[in-house]
Amino acid sequence: MNFGQQHDEGRREELIRQIEHSVAHLSLPELEALYYDMLTKDYIRK
């Protein structure tokens, strides 16, 4: 059993929840800016 991997997965899930919560409160222009930024950094692939 790899306890480090379990801790990493828990932290990953926590970060995803925090990011989802924050993104849900952004305005449309803020979402568009975030989308463009993530797209240009290749975090989002079409």
PDB file of N, CA and C in Angstrom:
ATOM      1  N   MET A   1       0.851  -1.185   0.000  1.00  0.00           N
ATOM      2  CA  MET A   1       0.000   0.000   0.000  1.00  0.00           C
ATOM      3  C   MET A   1       0.888   1.237   0.000  1.00  0.00           C
ATOM      4  N   ASN A   2       0.565   2.199  -0.859  1.00  0.00           N
ATOM      5  CA  ASN A   2       1.376   3.403  -0.984  1.00  0.00           C
ATOM      6  C   ASN A   2       0.640   4.580  -0.344  1.00  0.00           C
ATOM      7  N   PHE A   3       1.035   4.910   0.890  1.00  0.00           N
ATOM      8  CA  PHE A   3       0.358   5.976   1.625  1.00  0.00           C
ATOM      9  C   PHE A   3       0.621   7.345   1.011  1.00  0.00           C
ATOM     10  N   GLY A   4       1.791   7.559   0.454  1.00  0.00           N
ATOM     11  CA  GLY A   4       2.102   8.825  -0.192  1.00  0.00           C
ATOM     12  C   GLY A   4       1.185   9.090  -1.365  1.00  0.00           C
ATOM     13  N   GLN A   5       0.891   8.058  -2.115  1.00  0.00           N
ATOM     14  CA  GLN A   5       0.011   8.207  -3.273  1.00  0.00           C
ATOM     15  C   GLN A   5      -1.410   8.530  -2.822  1.00  0.00           C
ATOM     16  N   GLN A   6      -1.865   7.911  -1.734  1.00  0.00           N
ATOM     17  CA  GLN A   6      -3.201   8.209  -1.214  1.00  0.00           C
ATOM     18  C   GLN A   6      -3.278   9.658  -0.756  1.00  0.00           C
ATOM     19  N   HIS A   7      -2.236  10.140  -0.081  1.00  0.00           N
ATOM     20  CA  HIS A   7      -2.202  11.529   0.372  1.00  0.00           C
ATOM     21  C   HIS A   7      -2.231  12.465  -0.833  1.00  0.00           C
ATOM     22  N   ASP A   8      -1.463  12.145  -1.856  1.00  0.00           N
ATOM     23  CA  ASP A   8      -1.429  12.969  -3.071  1.00  0.00           C
ATOM     24  C   ASP A   8      -2.805  13.019  -3.728  1.00  0.00           C
ATOM     25  N   GLU A   9      -3.492  11.890  -3.776  1.00  0.00           N
ATOM     26  CA  GLU A   9      -4.816  11.844  -4.401  1.00  0.00           C
ATOM     27  C   GLU A   9      -5.816  12.660  -3.586  1.00  0.00           C
ATOM     28  N   GLY A  10      -5.728  12.595  -2.266  1.00  0.00           N
ATOM     29  CA  GLY A  10      -6.603  13.397  -1.413  1.00  0.00           C
ATOM     30  C   GLY A  10      -6.360  14.875  -1.612  1.00  0.00           C
ATOM     31  N   ARG A  11      -5.114  15.263  -1.692  1.00  0.00           N
ATOM     32  CA  ARG A  11      -4.760  16.668  -1.920  1.00  0.00           C
ATOM     33  C   ARG A  11      -5.251  17.120  -3.288  1.00  0.00           C
ATOM     34  N   ARG A  12      -5.102  16.254  -4.277  1.00  0.00           N
ATOM     35  CA  ARG A  12      -5.566  16.567  -5.636  1.00  0.00           C
ATOM     36  C   ARG A  12      -7.073  16.822  -5.631  1.00  0.00           C
ATOM     37  N   GLU A  13      -7.833  15.955  -4.983  1.00  0.00           N
ATOM     38  CA  GLU A  13      -9.287  16.118  -4.906  1.00  0.00           C
ATOM     39  C   GLU A  13      -9.666  17.402  -4.180  1.00  0.00           C
ATOM     40  N   GLU A  14      -8.941  17.728  -3.113  1.00  0.00           N
ATOM     41  CA  GLU A  14      -9.191  18.964  -2.370  1.00  0.00           C
ATOM     42  C   GLU A  14      -8.959  20.187  -3.258  1.00  0.00           C
ATOM     43  N   LEU A  15      -7.869  20.177  -4.001  1.00  0.00           N
ATOM     44  CA  LEU A  15      -7.568  21.294  -4.902  1.00  0.00           C
ATOM     45  C   LEU A  15      -8.626  21.431  -5.993  1.00  0.00           C
ATOM     46  N   ILE A  16      -9.065  20.320  -6.540  1.00  0.00           N
ATOM     47  CA  ILE A  16     -10.107  20.354  -7.572  1.00  0.00           C
ATOM     48  C   ILE A  16     -11.383  20.965  -7.010  1.00  0.00           C
ATOM     49  N   ARG A  17     -11.787  20.574  -5.802  1.00  0.00           N
ATOM     50  CA  ARG A  17     -12.992  21.139  -5.180  1.00  0.00           C
ATOM     51  C   ARG A  17     -12.850  22.642  -4.979  1.00  0.00           C
ATOM     52  N   GLN A  18     -11.694  23.084  -4.508  1.00  0.00           N
ATOM     53  CA  GLN A  18     -11.475  24.515  -4.282  1.00  0.00           C
ATOM     54  C   GLN A  18     -11.512  25.295  -5.591  1.00  0.00           C
ATOM     55  N   ILE A  19     -10.890  24.750  -6.617  1.00  0.00           N
ATOM     56  CA  ILE A  19     -10.877  25.417  -7.920  1.00  0.00           C
ATOM     57  C   ILE A  19     -12.288  25.470  -8.504  1.00  0.00           C
ATOM     58  N   GLU A  20     -13.027  24.352  -8.430  1.00  0.00           N
ATOM     59  CA  GLU A  20     -14.400  24.337  -8.943  1.00  0.00           C
ATOM     60  C   GLU A  20     -15.261  25.370  -8.226  1.00  0.00           C
ATOM     61  N   HIS A  21     -15.129  25.466  -6.919  1.00  0.00           N
ATOM     62  CA  HIS A  21     -15.906  26.430  -6.138  1.00  0.00           C
ATOM     63  C   HIS A  21     -15.572  27.858  -6.569  1.00  0.00           C
ATOM     64  N   SER A  22     -14.305  28.146  -6.746  1.00  0.00           N
ATOM     65  CA  SER A  22     -13.886  29.491  -7.143  1.00  0.00           C
ATOM     66  C   SER A  22     -14.347  29.832  -8.551  1.00  0.00           C
ATOM     67  N   VAL A  23     -14.206  28.900  -9.464  1.00  0.00           N
ATOM     68  CA  VAL A  23     -14.585  29.135 -10.858  1.00  0.00           C
ATOM     69  C   VAL A  23     -16.094  29.363 -10.972  1.00  0.00           C
ATOM     70  N   ALA A  24     -16.867  28.682 -10.160  1.00  0.00           N
ATOM     71  CA  ALA A  24     -18.325  28.813 -10.208  1.00  0.00           C
ATOM     72  C   ALA A  24     -18.790  30.229  -9.889  1.00  0.00           C
ATOM     73  N   HIS A  25     -17.955  31.013  -9.219  1.00  0.00           N
ATOM     74  CA  HIS A  25     -18.334  32.366  -8.827  1.00  0.00           C
ATOM     75  C   HIS A  25     -17.767  33.451  -9.748  1.00  0.00           C
ATOM     76  N   LEU A  26     -17.078  33.063 -10.810  1.00  0.00           N
ATOM     77  CA  LEU A  26     -16.507  34.047 -11.730  1.00  0.00           C
ATOM     78  C   LEU A  26     -17.572  34.592 -12.675  1.00  0.00           C
ATOM     79  N   SER A  27     -17.376  35.822 -13.095  1.00  0.00           N
ATOM     80  CA  SER A  27     -18.257  36.425 -14.103  1.00  0.00           C
ATOM     81  C   SER A  27     -17.879  35.864 -15.479  1.00  0.00           C
ATOM     82  N   LEU A  28     -18.733  36.114 -16.460  1.00  0.00           N
ATOM     83  CA  LEU A  28     -18.447  35.646 -17.818  1.00  0.00           C
ATOM     84  C   LEU A  28     -17.125  36.201 -18.350  1.00  0.00           C
ATOM     85  N   PRO A  29     -16.852  37.501 -18.218  1.00  0.00           N
ATOM     86  CA  PRO A  29     -15.553  38.000 -18.698  1.00  0.00           C
ATOM     87  C   PRO A  29     -14.366  37.347 -17.975  1.00  0.00           C
ATOM     88  N   GLU A  30     -14.521  37.096 -16.690  1.00  0.00           N
ATOM     89  CA  GLU A  30     -13.442  36.435 -15.944  1.00  0.00           C
ATOM     90  C   GLU A  30     -13.256  35.002 -16.421  1.00  0.00           C
ATOM     91  N   LEU A  31     -14.361  34.304 -16.683  1.00  0.00           N
ATOM     92  CA  LEU A  31     -14.273  32.936 -17.203  1.00  0.00           C
ATOM     93  C   LEU A  31     -13.624  32.909 -18.580  1.00  0.00           C
ATOM     94  N   GLU A  32     -13.983  33.866 -19.420  1.00  0.00           N
ATOM     95  CA  GLU A  32     -13.380  33.930 -20.752  1.00  0.00           C
ATOM     96  C   GLU A  32     -11.886  34.203 -20.667  1.00  0.00           C
ATOM     97  N   ALA A  33     -11.484  35.078 -19.760  1.00  0.00           N
ATOM     98  CA  ALA A  33     -10.059  35.374 -19.581  1.00  0.00           C
ATOM     99  C   ALA A  33      -9.319  34.142 -19.067  1.00  0.00           C
ATOM    100  N   LEU A  34      -9.926  33.449 -18.119  1.00  0.00           N
ATOM    101  CA  LEU A  34      -9.312  32.231 -17.581  1.00  0.00           C
ATOM    102  C   LEU A  34      -9.193  31.167 -18.667  1.00  0.00           C
ATOM    103  N   TYR A  35     -10.254  31.004 -19.445  1.00  0.00           N
ATOM    104  CA  TYR A  35     -10.247  30.036 -20.532  1.00  0.00           C
ATOM    105  C   TYR A  35      -9.131  30.343 -21.532  1.00  0.00           C
ATOM    106  N   TYR A  36      -9.032  31.602 -21.936  1.00  0.00           N
ATOM    107  CA  TYR A  36      -8.001  31.999 -22.889  1.00  0.00           C
ATOM    108  C   TYR A  36      -6.609  31.740 -22.316  1.00  0.00           C
ATOM    109  N   ASP A  37      -6.409  32.087 -21.060  1.00  0.00           N
ATOM    110  CA  ASP A  37      -5.112  31.879 -20.416  1.00  0.00           C
ATOM    111  C   ASP A  37      -4.757  30.393 -20.374  1.00  0.00           C
ATOM    112  N   MET A  38      -5.720  29.564 -19.996  1.00  0.00           N
ATOM    113  CA  MET A  38      -5.466  28.121 -19.928  1.00  0.00           C
ATOM    114  C   MET A  38      -5.245  27.530 -21.315  1.00  0.00           C
ATOM    115  N   LEU A  39      -5.966  28.053 -22.301  1.00  0.00           N
ATOM    116  CA  LEU A  39      -5.812  27.579 -23.673  1.00  0.00           C
ATOM    117  C   LEU A  39      -4.422  27.906 -24.209  1.00  0.00           C
ATOM    118  N   THR A  40      -3.962  29.135 -23.966  1.00  0.00           N
ATOM    119  CA  THR A  40      -2.650  29.541 -24.474  1.00  0.00           C
ATOM    120  C   THR A  40      -1.507  28.821 -23.765  1.00  0.00           C
ATOM    121  N   LYS A  41      -1.756  28.359 -22.543  1.00  0.00           N
ATOM    122  CA  LYS A  41      -0.733  27.604 -21.804  1.00  0.00           C
ATOM    123  C   LYS A  41      -0.851  26.104 -22.052  1.00  0.00           C
ATOM    124  N   ASP A  42      -1.760  25.731 -22.960  1.00  0.00           N
ATOM    125  CA  ASP A  42      -1.971  24.340 -23.371  1.00  0.00           C
ATOM    126  C   ASP A  42      -2.497  23.459 -22.233  1.00  0.00           C
ATOM    127  N   TYR A  43      -3.208  24.070 -21.266  1.00  0.00           N
ATOM    128  CA  TYR A  43      -3.874  23.289 -20.218  1.00  0.00           C
ATOM    129  C   TYR A  43      -5.197  22.743 -20.734  1.00  0.00           C
ATOM    130  N   ILE A  44      -5.748  23.418 -21.755  1.00  0.00           N
ATOM    131  CA  ILE A  44      -6.985  22.988 -22.399  1.00  0.00           C
ATOM    132  C   ILE A  44      -6.638  22.693 -23.845  1.00  0.00           C
ATOM    133  N   ARG A  45      -7.039  21.525 -24.284  1.00  0.00           N
ATOM    134  CA  ARG A  45      -6.788  21.139 -25.672  1.00  0.00           C
ATOM    135  C   ARG A  45      -8.123  20.902 -26.354  1.00  0.00           C
ATOM    136  N   LYS A  46      -8.307  21.527 -27.502  1.00  0.00           N
ATOM    137  CA  LYS A  46      -9.563  21.354 -28.258  1.00  0.00           C
ATOM    138  C   LYS A  46      -9.518  20.077 -29.047  1.00  0.00           C
TER     139      LYS A  46
END
